[in-house]
């Protein structure tokens, strides 16, 4: 992997299990081409193999778009093997200007967020390799987001949280899980009207909108969405339909200054070593 700065070092809190010592992970902040390509390859691997997602394999082996070159990429490394096991990208305000806007703006009218843009970072393309989807990695990824905001001085993070249209286990009809998540988050975590955005392509499945699709017997909220909500994020409106990925994308917004203080303290303790030790990349 290319040059990187260590945003959060692995610590000595990993505990041993009967199967052996638990993996230790580090969070890397990367901007070099080699690291970005590694992240694109991991994203493609996850998106093409994950049940419920519909991204096809074009033979290139990379998930790449025009926003990547303007983002800071955060990578999770298994320190025992050196393997890249998770990644996501952060698009800061200067990067959004250079990219011609937010990725979220390709799916939503985000005019309602214009007043926040000078201090708004967009998080996206978050994936974790199968076999590493544990609490340690998820907590580290959220600690990385907080560390990034703390070091950069920005207050807001936004992003799209994807929920597959198809039930990966096949227990509910298409769109049912999406309807359940929509009802749950809009009832408990809806953003105020001044921060509501509107999808260009609302979710319509077989000619029916979400209100016409029966919700599931039990709501299953994706881990990324749970992380947002646990920190105190709000959902800024109805989901947009992304047929290329076979998902509904929910727009989320977090104000760091209004986040859950207990969870923030926990994340900051995970990121206590966020004095970024530079190995060559810009911070």
C-alpha atoms as a PDB file:
ATOM      1  CA  UNK A   1       0.000   0.000   0.000  1.00  0.00           C
ATOM      2  CA  UNK A   2       1.168   3.536  -0.701  1.00  0.00           C
ATOM      3  CA  UNK A   3       1.918   6.388   1.652  1.00  0.00           C
ATOM      4  CA  UNK A   4      -0.529   6.981   4.467  1.00  0.00           C
ATOM      5  CA  UNK A   5      -0.915   8.630   7.841  1.00  0.00           C
ATOM      6  CA  UNK A   6      -2.077   6.651  10.852  1.00  0.00           C
ATOM      7  CA  UNK A   7      -5.256   8.330  12.039  1.00  0.00           C
ATOM      8  CA  UNK A   8      -5.898   5.809  14.830  1.00  0.00           C
ATOM      9  CA  UNK A   9      -3.338   3.239  15.927  1.00  0.00           C
ATOM     10  CA  UNK A  10      -4.244  -0.225  17.133  1.00  0.00           C
ATOM     11  CA  UNK A  11      -4.118  -0.342  20.918  1.00  0.00           C
ATOM     12  CA  UNK A  12      -3.538  -2.966  23.553  1.00  0.00           C
ATOM     13  CA  UNK A  13      -7.204  -3.463  24.392  1.00  0.00           C
ATOM     14  CA  UNK A  14      -7.703  -6.432  22.072  1.00  0.00           C
ATOM     15  CA  UNK A  15      -8.459  -9.503  24.146  1.00  0.00           C
ATOM     16  CA  UNK A  16      -7.523 -13.094  23.527  1.00  0.00           C
ATOM     17  CA  UNK A  17     -10.167 -15.717  22.851  1.00  0.00           C
ATOM     18  CA  UNK A  18     -10.006 -19.519  22.960  1.00  0.00           C
ATOM     19  CA  UNK A  19      -9.358 -19.375  19.224  1.00  0.00           C
ATOM     20  CA  UNK A  20      -6.359 -17.085  19.731  1.00  0.00           C
ATOM     21  CA  UNK A  21      -5.672 -13.359  20.044  1.00  0.00           C
ATOM     22  CA  UNK A  22      -8.286 -11.024  18.616  1.00  0.00           C
ATOM     23  CA  UNK A  23      -7.282  -9.029  15.526  1.00  0.00           C
ATOM     24  CA  UNK A  24      -5.948  -5.527  16.014  1.00  0.00           C
ATOM     25  CA  UNK A  25      -6.848  -2.836  13.553  1.00  0.00           C
ATOM     26  CA  UNK A  26      -5.515   0.576  12.593  1.00  0.00           C
ATOM     27  CA  UNK A  27      -7.245   3.407  10.772  1.00  0.00           C
ATOM     28  CA  UNK A  28      -5.216   4.971   7.954  1.00  0.00           C
ATOM     29  CA  UNK A  29      -5.830   8.286   6.225  1.00  0.00           C
ATOM     30  CA  UNK A  30      -4.782   7.941   2.585  1.00  0.00           C
ATOM     31  CA  UNK A  31      -4.746  10.153  -0.495  1.00  0.00           C
ATOM     32  CA  UNK A  32      -2.254   8.367  -2.757  1.00  0.00           C
ATOM     33  CA  UNK A  33      -3.333   6.540  -5.913  1.00  0.00           C
ATOM     34  CA  UNK A  34      -2.237   3.096  -4.772  1.00  0.00           C
ATOM     35  CA  UNK A  35      -4.298   3.265  -1.580  1.00  0.00           C
ATOM     36  CA  UNK A  36      -7.303   4.693  -3.401  1.00  0.00           C
ATOM     37  CA  UNK A  37      -7.171   1.843  -5.916  1.00  0.00           C
ATOM     38  CA  UNK A  38      -6.993  -0.670  -3.056  1.00  0.00           C
ATOM     39  CA  UNK A  39     -10.134   0.891  -1.579  1.00  0.00           C
ATOM     40  CA  UNK A  40     -11.877   0.827  -4.959  1.00  0.00           C
ATOM     41  CA  UNK A  41     -11.013  -2.853  -5.340  1.00  0.00           C
ATOM     42  CA  UNK A  42     -12.383  -3.696  -1.892  1.00  0.00           C
ATOM     43  CA  UNK A  43     -15.568  -1.746  -2.580  1.00  0.00           C
ATOM     44  CA  UNK A  44     -16.087  -3.613  -5.831  1.00  0.00           C
ATOM     45  CA  UNK A  45     -15.472  -6.942  -4.126  1.00  0.00           C
ATOM     46  CA  UNK A  46     -18.056  -6.237  -1.439  1.00  0.00           C
ATOM     47  CA  UNK A  47     -20.651  -4.630  -3.695  1.00  0.00           C
ATOM     48  CA  UNK A  48     -20.589  -7.491  -6.209  1.00  0.00           C
ATOM     49  CA  UNK A  49     -20.753 -10.256  -3.615  1.00  0.00           C
ATOM     50  CA  UNK A  50     -23.072  -8.856  -0.968  1.00  0.00           C
ATOM     51  CA  UNK A  51     -26.546 -10.494  -0.907  1.00  0.00           C
ATOM     52  CA  UNK A  52     -29.268  -7.978  -1.747  1.00  0.00           C
ATOM     53  CA  UNK A  53     -27.024  -5.618  -3.735  1.00  0.00           C
ATOM     54  CA  UNK A  54     -27.218  -5.662  -7.508  1.00  0.00           C
ATOM     55  CA  UNK A  55     -24.008  -4.043  -8.778  1.00  0.00           C
ATOM     56  CA  UNK A  56     -22.798  -5.999 -11.778  1.00  0.00           C
ATOM     57  CA  UNK A  57     -19.216  -7.020 -12.491  1.00  0.00           C
ATOM     58  CA  UNK A  58     -17.909  -5.016 -15.451  1.00  0.00           C
ATOM     59  CA  UNK A  59     -14.650  -6.939 -15.510  1.00  0.00           C
ATOM     60  CA  UNK A  60     -12.567  -4.003 -14.269  1.00  0.00           C
ATOM     61  CA  UNK A  61     -12.578  -5.054 -10.646  1.00  0.00           C
ATOM     62  CA  UNK A  62     -12.860  -1.472  -9.343  1.00  0.00           C
ATOM     63  CA  UNK A  63     -15.718   0.614  -7.981  1.00  0.00           C
ATOM     64  CA  UNK A  64     -14.633   4.118  -9.002  1.00  0.00           C
ATOM     65  CA  UNK A  65     -16.267   7.435  -9.764  1.00  0.00           C
ATOM     66  CA  UNK A  66     -15.369  11.097 -10.294  1.00  0.00           C
ATOM     67  CA  UNK A  67     -15.515  11.896  -6.581  1.00  0.00           C
ATOM     68  CA  UNK A  68     -12.693   9.576  -5.497  1.00  0.00           C
ATOM     69  CA  UNK A  69      -9.847  11.868  -6.513  1.00  0.00           C
ATOM     70  CA  UNK A  70     -11.261  14.714  -4.403  1.00  0.00           C
ATOM     71  CA  UNK A  71     -11.767  12.645  -1.230  1.00  0.00           C
ATOM     72  CA  UNK A  72      -9.667  11.651   1.747  1.00  0.00           C
ATOM     73  CA  UNK A  73      -9.859   7.862   2.018  1.00  0.00           C
ATOM     74  CA  UNK A  74      -9.966   6.151   5.409  1.00  0.00           C
ATOM     75  CA  UNK A  75      -8.829   2.527   5.363  1.00  0.00           C
ATOM     76  CA  UNK A  76      -9.023  -0.076   8.123  1.00  0.00           C
ATOM     77  CA  UNK A  77      -6.005  -2.395   8.247  1.00  0.00           C
ATOM     78  CA  UNK A  78      -5.723  -5.722  10.030  1.00  0.00           C
ATOM     79  CA  UNK A  79      -2.347  -5.185  11.682  1.00  0.00           C
ATOM     80  CA  UNK A  80      -1.713  -8.899  12.005  1.00  0.00           C
ATOM     81  CA  UNK A  81      -1.965  -9.623   8.292  1.00  0.00           C
ATOM     82  CA  UNK A  82      -1.612  -6.184   6.706  1.00  0.00           C
ATOM     83  CA  UNK A  83      -4.891  -6.838   4.881  1.00  0.00           C
ATOM     84  CA  UNK A  84      -7.256  -4.001   3.998  1.00  0.00           C
ATOM     85  CA  UNK A  85     -10.567  -4.962   5.632  1.00  0.00           C
ATOM     86  CA  UNK A  86     -12.645  -1.791   5.521  1.00  0.00           C
ATOM     87  CA  UNK A  87     -12.807   1.620   3.899  1.00  0.00           C
ATOM     88  CA  UNK A  88     -14.838   4.737   3.362  1.00  0.00           C
ATOM     89  CA  UNK A  89     -14.182   8.166   1.947  1.00  0.00           C
ATOM     90  CA  UNK A  90     -14.603  11.703   3.233  1.00  0.00           C
ATOM     91  CA  UNK A  91     -15.365  14.574   0.843  1.00  0.00           C
ATOM     92  CA  UNK A  92     -14.472  17.884   2.577  1.00  0.00           C
ATOM     93  CA  UNK A  93     -15.864  21.250   1.427  1.00  0.00           C
ATOM     94  CA  UNK A  94     -12.910  22.102  -0.890  1.00  0.00           C
ATOM     95  CA  UNK A  95     -13.169  18.642  -2.444  1.00  0.00           C
ATOM     96  CA  UNK A  96     -16.893  19.061  -3.003  1.00  0.00           C
ATOM     97  CA  UNK A  97     -16.247  22.323  -4.835  1.00  0.00           C
ATOM     98  CA  UNK A  98     -13.589  20.677  -7.008  1.00  0.00           C
ATOM     99  CA  UNK A  99     -15.861  17.700  -7.720  1.00  0.00           C
ATOM    100  CA  UNK A 100     -18.746  19.937  -8.738  1.00  0.00           C
ATOM    101  CA  UNK A 101     -20.882  19.126  -5.696  1.00  0.00           C
ATOM    102  CA  UNK A 102     -21.743  16.320  -3.315  1.00  0.00           C
ATOM    103  CA  UNK A 103     -22.371  12.738  -4.373  1.00  0.00           C
ATOM    104  CA  UNK A 104     -25.645  13.054  -2.438  1.00  0.00           C
ATOM    105  CA  UNK A 105     -26.644  15.802  -4.870  1.00  0.00           C
ATOM    106  CA  UNK A 106     -26.729  13.253  -7.711  1.00  0.00           C
ATOM    107  CA  UNK A 107     -29.688  11.606  -5.955  1.00  0.00           C
ATOM    108  CA  UNK A 108     -31.314  14.442  -4.012  1.00  0.00           C
ATOM    109  CA  UNK A 109     -32.113  18.118  -4.238  1.00  0.00           C
ATOM    110  CA  UNK A 110     -29.845  19.184  -1.371  1.00  0.00           C
ATOM    111  CA  UNK A 111     -30.648  22.897  -1.453  1.00  0.00           C
ATOM    112  CA  UNK A 112     -31.752  22.651   2.185  1.00  0.00           C
ATOM    113  CA  UNK A 113     -28.151  21.877   3.180  1.00  0.00           C
ATOM    114  CA  UNK A 114     -26.585  24.857   1.406  1.00  0.00           C
ATOM    115  CA  UNK A 115     -26.183  26.881   4.604  1.00  0.00           C
ATOM    116  CA  UNK A 116     -24.143  24.036   6.147  1.00  0.00           C
ATOM    117  CA  UNK A 117     -21.812  23.480   3.210  1.00  0.00           C
ATOM    118  CA  UNK A 118     -18.763  25.446   4.529  1.00  0.00           C
ATOM    119  CA  UNK A 119     -18.559  22.978   7.451  1.00  0.00           C
ATOM    120  CA  UNK A 120     -20.124  19.882   5.853  1.00  0.00           C
ATOM    121  CA  UNK A 121     -18.151  16.710   5.089  1.00  0.00           C
ATOM    122  CA  UNK A 122     -19.720  13.921   3.068  1.00  0.00           C
ATOM    123  CA  UNK A 123     -19.003  10.328   4.080  1.00  0.00           C
ATOM    124  CA  UNK A 124     -19.623   7.566   1.575  1.00  0.00           C
ATOM    125  CA  UNK A 125     -18.776   4.210   0.017  1.00  0.00           C
ATOM    126  CA  UNK A 126     -18.390   2.502   3.406  1.00  0.00           C
ATOM    127  CA  UNK A 127     -17.667  -1.236   3.248  1.00  0.00           C
ATOM    128  CA  UNK A 128     -16.224  -3.906   5.546  1.00  0.00           C
ATOM    129  CA  UNK A 129     -14.829  -7.190   4.298  1.00  0.00           C
ATOM    130  CA  UNK A 130     -16.782 -10.293   5.270  1.00  0.00           C
ATOM    131  CA  UNK A 131     -15.198 -11.907   8.306  1.00  0.00           C
ATOM    132  CA  UNK A 132     -14.330  -8.572   9.911  1.00  0.00           C
ATOM    133  CA  UNK A 133     -17.822  -7.185  10.508  1.00  0.00           C
ATOM    134  CA  UNK A 134     -17.404  -7.014  14.232  1.00  0.00           C
ATOM    135  CA  UNK A 135     -17.873  -4.352  16.860  1.00  0.00           C
ATOM    136  CA  UNK A 136     -14.188  -3.450  16.897  1.00  0.00           C
ATOM    137  CA  UNK A 137     -14.126  -2.490  13.216  1.00  0.00           C
ATOM    138  CA  UNK A 138     -17.445  -0.636  13.279  1.00  0.00           C
ATOM    139  CA  UNK A 139     -16.409   1.315  16.384  1.00  0.00           C
ATOM    140  CA  UNK A 140     -13.058   2.136  14.818  1.00  0.00           C
ATOM    141  CA  UNK A 141     -14.727   3.423  11.654  1.00  0.00           C
ATOM    142  CA  UNK A 142     -16.952   5.770  13.632  1.00  0.00           C
ATOM    143  CA  UNK A 143     -13.994   6.860  15.742  1.00  0.00           C
ATOM    144  CA  UNK A 144     -12.206   7.632  12.482  1.00  0.00           C
ATOM    145  CA  UNK A 145     -15.044   9.860  11.333  1.00  0.00           C
ATOM    146  CA  UNK A 146     -14.945  11.745  14.616  1.00  0.00           C
ATOM    147  CA  UNK A 147     -11.141  12.040  14.504  1.00  0.00           C
ATOM    148  CA  UNK A 148     -11.353  13.370  10.942  1.00  0.00           C
ATOM    149  CA  UNK A 149     -13.902  16.016  11.966  1.00  0.00           C
ATOM    150  CA  UNK A 150     -11.913  16.969  15.059  1.00  0.00           C
ATOM    151  CA  UNK A 151      -8.654  17.376  13.135  1.00  0.00           C
ATOM    152  CA  UNK A 152     -10.189  19.193  10.177  1.00  0.00           C
ATOM    153  CA  UNK A 153     -12.399  21.514  12.227  1.00  0.00           C
ATOM    154  CA  UNK A 154     -15.651  20.670  10.428  1.00  0.00           C
ATOM    155  CA  UNK A 155     -18.937  20.225  12.314  1.00  0.00           C
ATOM    156  CA  UNK A 156     -21.271  18.255  10.059  1.00  0.00           C
ATOM    157  CA  UNK A 157     -21.129  14.913   8.309  1.00  0.00           C
ATOM    158  CA  UNK A 158     -23.688  13.731   5.781  1.00  0.00           C
ATOM    159  CA  UNK A 159     -24.016  10.646   3.664  1.00  0.00           C
ATOM    160  CA  UNK A 160     -26.346   8.153   2.048  1.00  0.00           C
ATOM    161  CA  UNK A 161     -27.150   4.968   3.960  1.00  0.00           C
ATOM    162  CA  UNK A 162     -28.151   2.122   1.654  1.00  0.00           C
ATOM    163  CA  UNK A 163     -30.824  -0.484   2.336  1.00  0.00           C
ATOM    164  CA  UNK A 164     -31.224  -3.275  -0.258  1.00  0.00           C
ATOM    165  CA  UNK A 165     -34.528  -3.470  -2.112  1.00  0.00           C
ATOM    166  CA  UNK A 166     -34.362  -7.266  -1.978  1.00  0.00           C
ATOM    167  CA  UNK A 167     -34.351  -9.143   1.305  1.00  0.00           C
ATOM    168  CA  UNK A 168     -30.977 -10.965   1.376  1.00  0.00           C
ATOM    169  CA  UNK A 169     -32.643 -13.883   3.158  1.00  0.00           C
ATOM    170  CA  UNK A 170     -35.732 -13.890   0.947  1.00  0.00           C
ATOM    171  CA  UNK A 171     -38.186 -13.746   3.850  1.00  0.00           C
ATOM    172  CA  UNK A 172     -40.012 -10.604   2.737  1.00  0.00           C
ATOM    173  CA  UNK A 173     -41.083  -9.261  -0.680  1.00  0.00           C
ATOM    174  CA  UNK A 174     -39.055  -6.591  -2.520  1.00  0.00           C
ATOM    175  CA  UNK A 175     -39.166  -3.246  -0.768  1.00  0.00           C
ATOM    176  CA  UNK A 176     -40.660  -4.524   2.484  1.00  0.00           C
ATOM    177  CA  UNK A 177     -37.467  -4.142   4.537  1.00  0.00           C
ATOM    178  CA  UNK A 178     -36.916  -0.707   2.995  1.00  0.00           C
ATOM    179  CA  UNK A 179     -40.448   0.318   3.994  1.00  0.00           C
ATOM    180  CA  UNK A 180     -39.852  -0.872   7.551  1.00  0.00           C
ATOM    181  CA  UNK A 181     -36.605   1.065   7.901  1.00  0.00           C
ATOM    182  CA  UNK A 182     -38.216   4.179   6.387  1.00  0.00           C
ATOM    183  CA  UNK A 183     -41.105   4.078   8.853  1.00  0.00           C
ATOM    184  CA  UNK A 184     -38.771   3.472  11.804  1.00  0.00           C
ATOM    185  CA  UNK A 185     -36.292   6.268  11.124  1.00  0.00           C
ATOM    186  CA  UNK A 186     -38.847   8.848  10.028  1.00  0.00           C
ATOM    187  CA  UNK A 187     -40.873   8.242  13.170  1.00  0.00           C
ATOM    188  CA  UNK A 188     -37.910   8.530  15.536  1.00  0.00           C
ATOM    189  CA  UNK A 189     -35.095  10.361  13.789  1.00  0.00           C
ATOM    190  CA  UNK A 190     -36.534  12.703  11.163  1.00  0.00           C
ATOM    191  CA  UNK A 191     -34.643  15.934  10.509  1.00  0.00           C
ATOM    192  CA  UNK A 192     -36.494  19.250  10.823  1.00  0.00           C
ATOM    193  CA  UNK A 193     -38.115  20.695   7.735  1.00  0.00           C
ATOM    194  CA  UNK A 194     -35.253  23.141   7.133  1.00  0.00           C
ATOM    195  CA  UNK A 195     -32.877  20.204   6.561  1.00  0.00           C
ATOM    196  CA  UNK A 196     -35.223  18.006   4.521  1.00  0.00           C
ATOM    197  CA  UNK A 197     -33.939  17.006   1.083  1.00  0.00           C
ATOM    198  CA  UNK A 198     -35.955  15.463  -1.736  1.00  0.00           C
ATOM    199  CA  UNK A 199     -35.075  12.454  -3.922  1.00  0.00           C
ATOM    200  CA  UNK A 200     -34.994  12.891  -7.672  1.00  0.00           C
ATOM    201  CA  UNK A 201     -36.024   9.243  -8.037  1.00  0.00           C
ATOM    202  CA  UNK A 202     -38.322   8.105  -5.208  1.00  0.00           C
ATOM    203  CA  UNK A 203     -38.451   4.394  -4.501  1.00  0.00           C
ATOM    204  CA  UNK A 204     -40.992   2.697  -6.765  1.00  0.00           C
ATOM    205  CA  UNK A 205     -40.983  -1.100  -7.023  1.00  0.00           C
ATOM    206  CA  UNK A 206     -43.196  -2.884  -9.529  1.00  0.00           C
ATOM    207  CA  UNK A 207     -45.246   0.286  -9.882  1.00  0.00           C
ATOM    208  CA  UNK A 208     -45.773   0.732  -6.137  1.00  0.00           C
ATOM    209  CA  UNK A 209     -44.364   3.389  -3.848  1.00  0.00           C
ATOM    210  CA  UNK A 210     -43.178   2.580  -0.338  1.00  0.00           C
ATOM    211  CA  UNK A 211     -46.519   3.539   1.206  1.00  0.00           C
ATOM    212  CA  UNK A 212     -48.160   0.795  -0.888  1.00  0.00           C
ATOM    213  CA  UNK A 213     -45.692  -1.924   0.181  1.00  0.00           C
ATOM    214  CA  UNK A 214     -46.359  -3.852   3.384  1.00  0.00           C
ATOM    215  CA  UNK A 215     -43.705  -3.415   6.090  1.00  0.00           C
ATOM    216  CA  UNK A 216     -41.915  -6.483   7.455  1.00  0.00           C
ATOM    217  CA  UNK A 217     -42.978  -8.169  10.697  1.00  0.00           C
ATOM    218  CA  UNK A 218     -39.719  -7.001  12.263  1.00  0.00           C
ATOM    219  CA  UNK A 219     -37.572  -4.015  11.274  1.00  0.00           C
ATOM    220  CA  UNK A 220     -33.885  -4.687  10.564  1.00  0.00           C
ATOM    221  CA  UNK A 221     -31.840  -1.470  10.620  1.00  0.00           C
ATOM    222  CA  UNK A 222     -28.430  -1.766   8.855  1.00  0.00           C
ATOM    223  CA  UNK A 223     -25.301  -1.347  11.036  1.00  0.00           C
ATOM    224  CA  UNK A 224     -24.212   1.885   9.324  1.00  0.00           C
ATOM    225  CA  UNK A 225     -27.633   3.416   9.932  1.00  0.00           C
ATOM    226  CA  UNK A 226     -27.567   2.245  13.561  1.00  0.00           C
ATOM    227  CA  UNK A 227     -24.190   3.928  13.996  1.00  0.00           C
ATOM    228  CA  UNK A 228     -25.497   7.209  12.620  1.00  0.00           C
ATOM    229  CA  UNK A 229     -28.593   7.103  14.815  1.00  0.00           C
ATOM    230  CA  UNK A 230     -26.669   6.124  17.932  1.00  0.00           C
ATOM    231  CA  UNK A 231     -24.493   9.206  17.528  1.00  0.00           C
ATOM    232  CA  UNK A 232     -27.586  11.376  17.186  1.00  0.00           C
ATOM    233  CA  UNK A 233     -27.889  11.757  13.411  1.00  0.00           C
ATOM    234  CA  UNK A 234     -31.146  12.605  11.704  1.00  0.00           C
ATOM    235  CA  UNK A 235     -32.617  11.295   8.457  1.00  0.00           C
ATOM    236  CA  UNK A 236     -33.319  14.121   6.036  1.00  0.00           C
ATOM    237  CA  UNK A 237     -36.276  12.694   4.140  1.00  0.00           C
ATOM    238  CA  UNK A 238     -37.501   9.866   1.950  1.00  0.00           C
ATOM    239  CA  UNK A 239     -34.991   7.468   0.355  1.00  0.00           C
ATOM    240  CA  UNK A 240     -33.888   7.685  -3.263  1.00  0.00           C
ATOM    241  CA  UNK A 241     -33.932   4.615  -5.502  1.00  0.00           C
ATOM    242  CA  UNK A 242     -30.531   3.560  -6.866  1.00  0.00           C
ATOM    243  CA  UNK A 243     -31.323   0.783  -9.357  1.00  0.00           C
ATOM    244  CA  UNK A 244     -27.646   0.284 -10.274  1.00  0.00           C
ATOM    245  CA  UNK A 245     -26.984  -0.974  -6.742  1.00  0.00           C
ATOM    246  CA  UNK A 246     -30.494  -2.271  -6.090  1.00  0.00           C
ATOM    247  CA  UNK A 247     -30.907  -0.127  -2.970  1.00  0.00           C
ATOM    248  CA  UNK A 248     -32.808   2.728  -1.437  1.00  0.00           C
ATOM    249  CA  UNK A 249     -30.478   5.475  -0.177  1.00  0.00           C
ATOM    250  CA  UNK A 250     -31.428   7.407   2.954  1.00  0.00           C
ATOM    251  CA  UNK A 251     -29.914  10.899   3.415  1.00  0.00           C
ATOM    252  CA  UNK A 252     -28.435  11.263   6.919  1.00  0.00           C
ATOM    253  CA  UNK A 253     -27.022  14.316   8.692  1.00  0.00           C
ATOM    254  CA  UNK A 254     -25.001  14.503  11.907  1.00  0.00           C
ATOM    255  CA  UNK A 255     -24.090  17.683  13.778  1.00  0.00           C
ATOM    256  CA  UNK A 256     -21.016  16.758  15.814  1.00  0.00           C
ATOM    257  CA  UNK A 257     -21.818  19.453  18.363  1.00  0.00           C
ATOM    258  CA  UNK A 258     -25.196  17.842  19.125  1.00  0.00           C
ATOM    259  CA  UNK A 259     -24.054  14.238  19.101  1.00  0.00           C
ATOM    260  CA  UNK A 260     -24.690  11.834  21.961  1.00  0.00           C
ATOM    261  CA  UNK A 261     -22.022  12.820  24.485  1.00  0.00           C
ATOM    262  CA  UNK A 262     -21.594   9.372  26.056  1.00  0.00           C
ATOM    263  CA  UNK A 263     -21.030   7.725  22.692  1.00  0.00           C
ATOM    264  CA  UNK A 264     -18.719  10.562  21.682  1.00  0.00           C
ATOM    265  CA  UNK A 265     -16.592   9.969  24.777  1.00  0.00           C
ATOM    266  CA  UNK A 266     -16.378   6.291  23.928  1.00  0.00           C
ATOM    267  CA  UNK A 267     -15.305   7.046  20.363  1.00  0.00           C
ATOM    268  CA  UNK A 268     -12.751   9.599  21.522  1.00  0.00           C
ATOM    269  CA  UNK A 269     -11.277   7.015  23.882  1.00  0.00           C
ATOM    270  CA  UNK A 270     -10.912   4.631  20.947  1.00  0.00           C
ATOM    271  CA  UNK A 271      -9.256   7.430  19.004  1.00  0.00           C
ATOM    272  CA  UNK A 272      -7.003   8.598  21.822  1.00  0.00           C
ATOM    273  CA  UNK A 273      -3.965   8.070  19.620  1.00  0.00           C
ATOM    274  CA  UNK A 274      -5.177  10.369  16.880  1.00  0.00           C
ATOM    275  CA  UNK A 275      -1.985  12.397  16.838  1.00  0.00           C
ATOM    276  CA  UNK A 276      -1.578  11.407  13.202  1.00  0.00           C
ATOM    277  CA  UNK A 277       1.871   9.950  12.655  1.00  0.00           C
ATOM    278  CA  UNK A 278       2.621  10.982   9.090  1.00  0.00           C
ATOM    279  CA  UNK A 279       4.341   8.613   6.711  1.00  0.00           C
ATOM    280  CA  UNK A 280       4.091  10.950   3.743  1.00  0.00           C
ATOM    281  CA  UNK A 281       0.443  11.689   2.959  1.00  0.00           C
ATOM    282  CA  UNK A 282      -1.135  15.062   3.610  1.00  0.00           C
ATOM    283  CA  UNK A 283      -3.347  15.187   6.687  1.00  0.00           C
END
